[in-house]
Amino acid sequence: MIEKKLIVKSKQGLHARPGALLVQMLSKYKSEVKIFKDDMEIDAKSVMSILILAADCGSDLKFVINGEDEEEVSKELEKFFNSNFEEMIANEKRT
């Protein structure tokens, strides 16, 4: 099990498009991924749950990753959040 704390840096927050991209990215992996914000716990592989989370810019999120590919998931999450979601959105537009 890996616990990772990440901050939403994007000015728009973790809204619909990056939320959908996050779910799409995580769906490739077998590991279970939970997101904790304040007193909420959600399944990170659910778009609806991510939208309900309402993670604005500056939100502190704790990810708990558990499974056989948790190391890869952890690296992908860090890359996704450090790019402010822009790299994945740009790649989506190109395809």
Protein backbone atom coordinates (compact mmCIF):
# COMPACT_ATOMS: atom_id res chain seq x y z
CA MET A 1 0.00 0.00 0.00
CA ILE A 2 1.24 3.48 -0.94
CA GLU A 3 -0.04 6.74 0.48
CA LYS A 4 0.65 9.87 -1.55
CA LYS A 5 -0.34 13.45 -0.79
CA LEU A 6 -0.87 15.70 -3.79
CA ILE A 7 -2.10 19.26 -4.19
CA VAL A 8 -4.43 20.38 -6.97
CA LYS A 9 -2.40 23.11 -8.70
CA SER A 10 -4.62 23.73 -11.71
CA LYS A 11 -6.56 27.00 -11.46
CA GLN A 12 -9.71 25.20 -12.63
CA GLY A 13 -9.34 22.46 -10.01
CA LEU A 14 -9.99 18.79 -10.62
CA HIS A 15 -13.04 19.43 -12.79
CA ALA A 16 -14.81 17.23 -15.37
CA ARG A 17 -12.17 16.93 -18.10
CA PRO A 18 -9.13 16.19 -15.90
CA GLY A 19 -11.35 14.03 -13.70
CA ALA A 20 -12.35 11.92 -16.70
CA LEU A 21 -8.72 11.71 -17.81
CA LEU A 22 -7.68 10.64 -14.32
CA VAL A 23 -10.29 7.87 -14.34
CA GLN A 24 -9.22 6.80 -17.82
CA MET A 25 -5.56 6.67 -16.74
CA LEU A 26 -6.30 4.73 -13.54
CA SER A 27 -8.57 2.26 -15.33
CA LYS A 28 -5.49 0.79 -17.03
CA TYR A 29 -4.25 -0.44 -13.67
CA LYS A 30 -5.38 -3.25 -11.38
CA SER A 31 -4.67 -1.41 -8.13
CA GLU A 32 -7.46 0.04 -6.04
CA VAL A 33 -7.11 3.81 -5.68
CA LYS A 34 -8.93 5.87 -3.05
CA ILE A 35 -8.88 9.64 -2.65
CA PHE A 36 -9.33 11.30 0.74
CA LYS A 37 -10.26 14.99 1.06
CA ASP A 38 -11.35 16.44 4.37
CA ASP A 39 -13.84 13.85 5.68
CA MET A 40 -14.59 12.32 2.28
CA GLU A 41 -13.30 9.05 0.83
CA ILE A 42 -13.96 8.22 -2.82
CA ASP A 43 -13.08 5.66 -5.46
CA ALA A 44 -10.63 7.41 -7.81
CA LYS A 45 -11.84 5.26 -10.72
CA SER A 46 -15.30 6.87 -10.65
CA VAL A 47 -15.89 10.14 -12.55
CA MET A 48 -19.02 10.90 -10.53
CA SER A 49 -17.13 10.46 -7.27
CA ILE A 50 -14.37 12.78 -8.44
CA LEU A 51 -16.92 15.45 -9.37
CA ILE A 52 -18.60 15.10 -5.96
CA LEU A 53 -15.18 15.56 -4.34
CA ALA A 54 -15.12 19.17 -5.64
CA ALA A 55 -11.34 19.50 -5.45
CA ASP A 56 -10.60 23.16 -6.18
CA CYS A 57 -7.20 24.70 -6.77
CA GLY A 58 -5.14 24.28 -3.61
CA SER A 59 -7.03 21.21 -2.38
CA ASP A 60 -4.89 18.71 -0.47
CA LEU A 61 -5.68 15.18 -1.56
CA LYS A 62 -4.42 11.94 -0.08
CA PHE A 63 -4.28 8.96 -2.41
CA VAL A 64 -4.16 5.43 -1.06
CA ILE A 65 -3.05 2.95 -3.71
CA ASN A 66 -3.22 -0.77 -3.07
CA GLY A 67 -2.39 -3.51 -5.54
CA GLU A 68 0.18 -5.23 -7.66
CA ASP A 69 0.95 -2.20 -9.85
CA GLU A 70 0.78 0.45 -7.12
CA GLU A 71 4.29 1.80 -7.88
CA GLU A 72 3.35 2.58 -11.49
CA VAL A 73 0.07 4.15 -10.38
CA SER A 74 1.90 6.33 -7.87
CA LYS A 75 4.32 7.60 -10.54
CA GLU A 76 1.50 8.32 -13.00
CA LEU A 77 -0.48 10.24 -10.38
CA GLU A 78 2.50 12.38 -9.50
CA LYS A 79 3.19 13.12 -13.16
CA PHE A 80 -0.49 13.97 -13.76
CA PHE A 81 -0.69 16.37 -10.82
CA ASN A 82 2.71 17.98 -11.43
CA SER A 83 1.68 18.84 -15.00
CA ASN A 84 -1.43 20.64 -13.69
CA PHE A 85 -3.37 18.17 -15.86
CA GLU A 86 -2.35 20.17 -18.94
CA GLU A 87 -0.12 17.55 -20.56
CA MET A 88 -2.86 14.91 -20.55
CA ILE A 89 -5.48 17.37 -21.81
CA ALA A 90 -3.13 18.45 -24.62
CA ASN A 91 -2.53 14.82 -25.58
CA GLU A 92 -6.28 14.21 -25.60
CA LYS A 93 -6.81 17.08 -28.04
CA ARG A 94 -4.16 15.70 -30.43
CA THR A 95 -5.89 12.33 -30.79
